[in-house]
Amino acid sequence: MHGYSGDKQAYLTRLRRIEGQIRGLQRMVDEEAYCIDILTQVSAATRALQAVALGLLEDHIGHCVADAVKSGGPEADEKIREASAAIARLVRS
């Protein structure tokens, strides 16, 4: 079971909303909207995706990493490395 399983529907709802934002961006470009207006919407979509990513990361640490640490051994080290790498990717983006 994944750490986000309890919030799966909320994540799907948020991702569908973001999908709608992206379709709106496509429409704005197609209709040649003002550049700043498009950039504002890109920023909003980016923040929404970052919020999903942070929620997933929090769920992963709270469930997958915490369970592995309780069990100990090499799996715990691997889960911590995975989480650290995910954090690094989010910071770079």
Protein backbone atom coordinates (compact mmCIF):
# COMPACT_ATOMS: atom_id res chain seq x y z
CA MET A 1 0.00 0.00 0.00
CA HIS A 2 1.32 3.44 -0.93
CA GLY A 3 1.48 6.34 1.51
CA TYR A 4 -0.95 8.40 -0.57
CA SER A 5 -3.61 5.67 -0.77
CA GLY A 6 -5.78 7.29 1.88
CA ASP A 7 -5.77 10.58 -0.06
CA LYS A 8 -5.97 9.07 -3.54
CA GLN A 9 -9.26 10.72 -4.46
CA ALA A 10 -8.07 14.13 -3.27
CA TYR A 11 -4.91 13.78 -5.35
CA LEU A 12 -6.90 12.73 -8.41
CA THR A 13 -9.24 15.69 -7.96
CA ARG A 14 -6.30 18.09 -7.69
CA LEU A 15 -4.59 16.58 -10.73
CA ARG A 16 -7.78 16.83 -12.79
CA ARG A 17 -8.05 20.49 -11.79
CA ILE A 18 -4.44 21.02 -12.90
CA GLU A 19 -5.20 19.21 -16.15
CA GLY A 20 -7.98 21.74 -16.71
CA GLN A 21 -5.54 24.57 -16.02
CA ILE A 22 -3.17 23.16 -18.65
CA ARG A 23 -5.99 22.91 -21.19
CA GLY A 24 -6.82 26.52 -20.38
CA LEU A 25 -3.20 27.47 -21.06
CA GLN A 26 -3.35 25.74 -24.43
CA ARG A 27 -6.52 27.65 -25.24
CA MET A 28 -4.90 30.93 -24.17
CA VAL A 29 -1.94 30.34 -26.50
CA ASP A 30 -4.25 29.27 -29.32
CA GLU A 31 -6.29 32.45 -28.85
CA GLU A 32 -3.09 34.53 -28.61
CA ALA A 33 -3.73 35.84 -25.12
CA TYR A 34 -1.45 38.44 -23.57
CA CYS A 35 1.94 36.96 -22.61
CA ILE A 36 1.80 38.07 -18.98
CA ASP A 37 -1.64 36.52 -18.54
CA ILE A 38 -0.32 33.20 -19.86
CA LEU A 39 2.75 33.41 -17.62
CA THR A 40 0.52 34.08 -14.62
CA GLN A 41 -1.45 30.93 -15.36
CA VAL A 42 1.75 28.91 -15.93
CA SER A 43 2.90 30.05 -12.50
CA ALA A 44 -0.40 28.99 -10.93
CA ALA A 45 -0.24 25.55 -12.57
CA THR A 46 3.37 25.15 -11.47
CA ARG A 47 2.48 25.99 -7.86
CA ALA A 48 -0.42 23.54 -7.98
CA LEU A 49 1.88 20.75 -9.21
CA GLN A 50 4.43 21.62 -6.55
CA ALA A 51 1.71 21.35 -3.89
CA VAL A 52 0.82 17.87 -5.16
CA ALA A 53 4.50 16.89 -5.16
CA LEU A 54 5.00 18.13 -1.60
CA GLY A 55 1.91 16.27 -0.43
CA LEU A 56 3.11 13.05 -2.05
CA LEU A 57 6.54 13.53 -0.53
CA GLU A 58 5.04 14.08 2.91
CA ASP A 59 2.91 10.95 2.52
CA HIS A 60 5.94 8.97 1.33
CA ILE A 61 8.06 10.03 4.28
CA GLY A 62 5.24 9.53 6.77
CA HIS A 63 4.37 6.07 5.50
CA CYS A 64 6.99 4.35 3.35
CA VAL A 65 10.11 5.85 4.89
CA ALA A 66 8.81 5.68 8.46
CA ASP A 67 7.83 2.00 8.07
CA ALA A 68 11.21 1.15 6.57
CA VAL A 69 13.05 2.97 9.36
CA LYS A 70 11.04 1.05 11.97
CA SER A 71 12.06 -2.20 10.29
CA GLY A 72 15.66 -1.09 9.91
CA GLY A 73 18.26 -2.65 7.66
CA PRO A 74 19.25 -1.78 4.10
CA GLU A 75 15.67 -1.05 3.06
CA ALA A 76 15.58 1.87 5.51
CA ASP A 77 18.76 3.31 4.02
CA GLU A 78 17.35 2.91 0.50
CA LYS A 79 14.07 4.66 1.39
CA ILE A 80 15.97 7.55 2.96
CA ARG A 81 18.15 7.84 -0.17
CA GLU A 82 15.03 7.82 -2.35
CA ALA A 83 13.39 10.55 -0.28
CA SER A 84 16.57 12.65 -0.33
CA ALA A 85 16.82 12.31 -4.11
CA ALA A 86 13.14 13.28 -4.50
CA ILE A 87 13.68 16.35 -2.32
CA ALA A 88 16.71 17.30 -4.40
CA ARG A 89 14.68 17.01 -7.62
CA LEU A 90 11.93 19.20 -6.16
CA VAL A 91 14.39 21.83 -5.00
CA ARG A 92 15.99 21.98 -8.47
CA SER A 93 12.66 22.35 -10.26
